[in-house]
Amino acid sequence: MVTAWVRDLLDGNAPGPLKGPLAASTVTQRLFVLTMILDHAVRMRLIPANPASGIRVRATPSTRVRYLTADQIRRTADAAETLVSPHGRRIGSRRDRTMILLLAYTGMRAAGPRVRPARVPSSRSWACLLMFRTRLCVRPRRRAE
């Protein structure tokens, strides 16, 4: 019964509010909690044996990491600078382009726990990040006209 529950969590067929399959690490954490609860029930002599003991969650193969080429990074940054909303309003900026290039070539992650965009009130042409309480700013070079 516990094995079927683990399989359903991994396959995305578990009943309840969960939608879609869960990662192996998430299922392992949930199985650990269930195992601890059932171990306690065995110690309290509420059940004769722990049905969750010995069950292992199969590791899912890790996905292959794909990196952008220099040309793909340049095209993405150029597209970000000229981005236009569906209503025709320009929403991209030189700052967005610079931010993409900064993140791509330095390896920083914008979604990292302590890295976030920061504003510099004096000039909008700067791309800034607030990282570990330190502001890192880069001013893009002017393009030759």
C-alpha atoms as a PDB file:
ATOM      1  CA  MET A   1       0.000   0.000   0.000  1.00  0.00           C
ATOM      2  CA  VAL A   2       2.810   2.433   0.856  1.00  0.00           C
ATOM      3  CA  THR A   3       4.699   1.374  -2.272  1.00  0.00           C
ATOM      4  CA  ALA A   4       1.637   2.164  -4.398  1.00  0.00           C
ATOM      5  CA  TRP A   5       1.319   5.576  -2.694  1.00  0.00           C
ATOM      6  CA  VAL A   6       4.975   6.377  -3.459  1.00  0.00           C
ATOM      7  CA  ARG A   7       4.516   5.266  -7.085  1.00  0.00           C
ATOM      8  CA  ASP A   8       1.377   7.433  -7.403  1.00  0.00           C
ATOM      9  CA  LEU A   9       3.231  10.475  -6.044  1.00  0.00           C
ATOM     10  CA  LEU A  10       6.048   9.952  -8.541  1.00  0.00           C
ATOM     11  CA  ASP A  11       3.659   9.384 -11.452  1.00  0.00           C
ATOM     12  CA  GLY A  12       1.278  12.201 -10.564  1.00  0.00           C
ATOM     13  CA  ASN A  13      -1.703   9.932  -9.872  1.00  0.00           C
ATOM     14  CA  ALA A  14      -2.025  10.540  -6.132  1.00  0.00           C
ATOM     15  CA  PRO A  15      -5.512  11.520  -4.959  1.00  0.00           C
ATOM     16  CA  GLY A  16      -5.973  14.933  -3.435  1.00  0.00           C
ATOM     17  CA  PRO A  17      -5.093  18.494  -4.327  1.00  0.00           C
ATOM     18  CA  LEU A  18      -1.682  17.646  -5.823  1.00  0.00           C
ATOM     19  CA  LYS A  19      -1.484  18.084  -9.559  1.00  0.00           C
ATOM     20  CA  GLY A  20       1.236  16.381 -11.537  1.00  0.00           C
ATOM     21  CA  PRO A  21       4.173  14.217 -10.511  1.00  0.00           C
ATOM     22  CA  LEU A  22       6.384  15.155  -7.578  1.00  0.00           C
ATOM     23  CA  ALA A  23      10.171  15.205  -7.631  1.00  0.00           C
ATOM     24  CA  ALA A  24      11.954  12.213  -6.144  1.00  0.00           C
ATOM     25  CA  SER A  25      13.444  14.381  -3.385  1.00  0.00           C
ATOM     26  CA  THR A  26       9.960  15.623  -2.385  1.00  0.00           C
ATOM     27  CA  VAL A  27       8.596  12.075  -2.305  1.00  0.00           C
ATOM     28  CA  THR A  28      11.614  10.963  -0.254  1.00  0.00           C
ATOM     29  CA  GLN A  29      10.907  13.693   2.311  1.00  0.00           C
ATOM     30  CA  ARG A  30       7.247  12.684   2.562  1.00  0.00           C
ATOM     31  CA  LEU A  31       8.162   9.013   2.853  1.00  0.00           C
ATOM     32  CA  PHE A  32      10.636   9.887   5.629  1.00  0.00           C
ATOM     33  CA  VAL A  33       7.902  11.651   7.624  1.00  0.00           C
ATOM     34  CA  LEU A  34       5.504   8.731   7.137  1.00  0.00           C
ATOM     35  CA  THR A  35       8.215   6.247   8.167  1.00  0.00           C
ATOM     36  CA  MET A  36       8.920   8.210  11.359  1.00  0.00           C
ATOM     37  CA  ILE A  37       5.210   8.342  12.245  1.00  0.00           C
ATOM     38  CA  LEU A  38       4.790   4.614  11.640  1.00  0.00           C
ATOM     39  CA  ASP A  39       7.974   3.847  13.621  1.00  0.00           C
ATOM     40  CA  HIS A  40       6.439   5.698  16.549  1.00  0.00           C
ATOM     41  CA  ALA A  41       3.209   3.701  16.139  1.00  0.00           C
ATOM     42  CA  VAL A  42       5.259   0.467  16.261  1.00  0.00           C
ATOM     43  CA  ARG A  43       7.029   1.617  19.460  1.00  0.00           C
ATOM     44  CA  MET A  44       3.649   2.434  20.991  1.00  0.00           C
ATOM     45  CA  ARG A  45       2.473  -1.063  19.934  1.00  0.00           C
ATOM     46  CA  LEU A  46      -0.364   0.358  17.850  1.00  0.00           C
ATOM     47  CA  ILE A  47       0.757  -1.649  14.788  1.00  0.00           C
ATOM     48  CA  PRO A  48       2.936  -4.763  14.638  1.00  0.00           C
ATOM     49  CA  ALA A  49       5.367  -3.574  11.940  1.00  0.00           C
ATOM     50  CA  ASN A  50       6.189  -0.488   9.899  1.00  0.00           C
ATOM     51  CA  PRO A  51       4.905  -0.995   6.341  1.00  0.00           C
ATOM     52  CA  ALA A  52       7.058   1.908   5.106  1.00  0.00           C
ATOM     53  CA  SER A  53      10.391   0.531   6.298  1.00  0.00           C
ATOM     54  CA  GLY A  54      12.736  -0.548   3.550  1.00  0.00           C
ATOM     55  CA  ILE A  55      10.978   1.365   0.776  1.00  0.00           C
ATOM     56  CA  ARG A  56      13.349   3.370  -1.381  1.00  0.00           C
ATOM     57  CA  VAL A  57      12.419   6.062  -3.849  1.00  0.00           C
ATOM     58  CA  ARG A  58      13.995   5.590  -7.249  1.00  0.00           C
ATOM     59  CA  ALA A  59      16.045   8.568  -8.261  1.00  0.00           C
ATOM     60  CA  THR A  60      14.846  10.305 -11.384  1.00  0.00           C
ATOM     61  CA  PRO A  61      17.526  10.868 -13.995  1.00  0.00           C
ATOM     62  CA  SER A  62      18.822  14.396 -13.868  1.00  0.00           C
ATOM     63  CA  THR A  63      18.025  16.573 -16.820  1.00  0.00           C
ATOM     64  CA  ARG A  64      20.848  17.617 -19.070  1.00  0.00           C
ATOM     65  CA  VAL A  65      21.842  21.236 -18.527  1.00  0.00           C
ATOM     66  CA  ARG A  66      21.827  23.258 -21.712  1.00  0.00           C
ATOM     67  CA  TYR A  67      23.864  26.435 -22.005  1.00  0.00           C
ATOM     68  CA  LEU A  68      23.243  29.244 -24.456  1.00  0.00           C
ATOM     69  CA  THR A  69      25.879  30.014 -27.033  1.00  0.00           C
ATOM     70  CA  ALA A  70      27.384  33.499 -27.205  1.00  0.00           C
ATOM     71  CA  ASP A  71      25.233  34.247 -30.253  1.00  0.00           C
ATOM     72  CA  GLN A  72      22.047  33.122 -28.460  1.00  0.00           C
ATOM     73  CA  ILE A  73      22.923  35.310 -25.469  1.00  0.00           C
ATOM     74  CA  ARG A  74      23.524  38.305 -27.736  1.00  0.00           C
ATOM     75  CA  ARG A  75      20.243  37.772 -29.616  1.00  0.00           C
ATOM     76  CA  THR A  76      18.315  37.382 -26.344  1.00  0.00           C
ATOM     77  CA  ALA A  77      19.835  40.569 -24.943  1.00  0.00           C
ATOM     78  CA  ASP A  78      19.105  42.475 -28.165  1.00  0.00           C
ATOM     79  CA  ALA A  79      15.502  41.254 -28.127  1.00  0.00           C
ATOM     80  CA  ALA A  80      15.096  42.335 -24.491  1.00  0.00           C
ATOM     81  CA  GLU A  81      16.213  45.852 -25.357  1.00  0.00           C
ATOM     82  CA  THR A  82      13.644  46.227 -28.136  1.00  0.00           C
ATOM     83  CA  LEU A  83      10.763  44.401 -26.434  1.00  0.00           C
ATOM     84  CA  VAL A  84       7.308  45.831 -27.204  1.00  0.00           C
ATOM     85  CA  SER A  85       4.040  45.069 -25.378  1.00  0.00           C
ATOM     86  CA  PRO A  86       0.991  43.742 -27.264  1.00  0.00           C
ATOM     87  CA  HIS A  87      -0.382  47.296 -27.078  1.00  0.00           C
ATOM     88  CA  GLY A  88       2.618  48.728 -28.930  1.00  0.00           C
ATOM     89  CA  ARG A  89       4.286  50.257 -25.873  1.00  0.00           C
ATOM     90  CA  ARG A  90       8.041  49.778 -25.606  1.00  0.00           C
ATOM     91  CA  ILE A  91       8.797  47.845 -22.423  1.00  0.00           C
ATOM     92  CA  GLY A  92      12.377  46.760 -23.093  1.00  0.00           C
ATOM     93  CA  SER A  93      15.341  48.917 -22.253  1.00  0.00           C
ATOM     94  CA  ARG A  94      19.109  49.111 -22.512  1.00  0.00           C
ATOM     95  CA  ARG A  95      19.164  48.250 -18.812  1.00  0.00           C
ATOM     96  CA  ASP A  96      17.397  44.933 -19.521  1.00  0.00           C
ATOM     97  CA  ARG A  97      19.944  44.113 -22.210  1.00  0.00           C
ATOM     98  CA  THR A  98      22.839  44.907 -19.897  1.00  0.00           C
ATOM     99  CA  MET A  99      21.293  42.872 -17.067  1.00  0.00           C
ATOM    100  CA  ILE A 100      20.976  39.805 -19.306  1.00  0.00           C
ATOM    101  CA  LEU A 101      24.579  40.121 -20.476  1.00  0.00           C
ATOM    102  CA  LEU A 102      25.801  40.632 -16.905  1.00  0.00           C
ATOM    103  CA  LEU A 103      23.962  37.586 -15.607  1.00  0.00           C
ATOM    104  CA  ALA A 104      24.906  35.386 -18.557  1.00  0.00           C
ATOM    105  CA  TYR A 105      28.627  36.132 -18.567  1.00  0.00           C
ATOM    106  CA  THR A 106      29.226  36.288 -14.808  1.00  0.00           C
ATOM    107  CA  GLY A 107      27.217  33.185 -13.906  1.00  0.00           C
ATOM    108  CA  MET A 108      25.103  35.036 -11.340  1.00  0.00           C
ATOM    109  CA  ARG A 109      21.514  33.928 -10.924  1.00  0.00           C
ATOM    110  CA  ALA A 110      18.783  36.528 -10.713  1.00  0.00           C
ATOM    111  CA  ALA A 111      16.655  33.997  -8.833  1.00  0.00           C
ATOM    112  CA  GLY A 112      19.362  33.343  -6.281  1.00  0.00           C
ATOM    113  CA  PRO A 113      18.511  33.714  -2.617  1.00  0.00           C
ATOM    114  CA  ARG A 114      20.306  37.022  -2.128  1.00  0.00           C
ATOM    115  CA  VAL A 115      20.536  38.506  -5.597  1.00  0.00           C
ATOM    116  CA  ARG A 116      17.908  40.912  -6.814  1.00  0.00           C
ATOM    117  CA  PRO A 117      17.664  43.865  -9.177  1.00  0.00           C
ATOM    118  CA  ALA A 118      18.329  47.213  -7.552  1.00  0.00           C
ATOM    119  CA  ARG A 119      17.490  50.680  -8.784  1.00  0.00           C
ATOM    120  CA  VAL A 120      19.881  53.579  -8.967  1.00  0.00           C
ATOM    121  CA  PRO A 121      17.855  56.778  -8.665  1.00  0.00           C
ATOM    122  CA  SER A 122      20.408  58.998 -10.415  1.00  0.00           C
ATOM    123  CA  SER A 123      20.455  57.241 -13.792  1.00  0.00           C
ATOM    124  CA  ARG A 124      18.302  54.697 -15.563  1.00  0.00           C
ATOM    125  CA  SER A 125      21.070  53.664 -17.902  1.00  0.00           C
ATOM    126  CA  TRP A 126      22.774  51.629 -15.184  1.00  0.00           C
ATOM    127  CA  ALA A 127      22.037  47.957 -14.590  1.00  0.00           C
ATOM    128  CA  CYS A 128      22.350  47.139 -10.924  1.00  0.00           C
ATOM    129  CA  LEU A 129      22.068  44.129  -8.682  1.00  0.00           C
ATOM    130  CA  LEU A 130      21.900  44.070  -4.925  1.00  0.00           C
ATOM    131  CA  MET A 131      23.951  41.057  -3.948  1.00  0.00           C
ATOM    132  CA  PHE A 132      24.805  40.110  -0.377  1.00  0.00           C
ATOM    133  CA  ARG A 133      24.034  43.686   0.730  1.00  0.00           C
ATOM    134  CA  THR A 134      26.472  45.066  -1.850  1.00  0.00           C
ATOM    135  CA  ARG A 135      25.264  47.003  -4.856  1.00  0.00           C
ATOM    136  CA  LEU A 136      26.896  45.923  -8.099  1.00  0.00           C
ATOM    137  CA  CYS A 137      26.317  48.357 -10.958  1.00  0.00           C
ATOM    138  CA  VAL A 138      27.352  48.221 -14.564  1.00  0.00           C
ATOM    139  CA  ARG A 139      26.941  51.073 -16.980  1.00  0.00           C
ATOM    140  CA  PRO A 140      26.563  49.909 -20.566  1.00  0.00           C
ATOM    141  CA  ARG A 141      28.940  51.288 -23.153  1.00  0.00           C
ATOM    142  CA  ARG A 142      27.425  53.675 -25.625  1.00  0.00           C
ATOM    143  CA  ARG A 143      26.922  52.164 -29.037  1.00  0.00           C
ATOM    144  CA  ALA A 144      28.732  53.773 -31.900  1.00  0.00           C
ATOM    145  CA  GLU A 145      26.080  55.476 -34.002  1.00  0.00           C
END
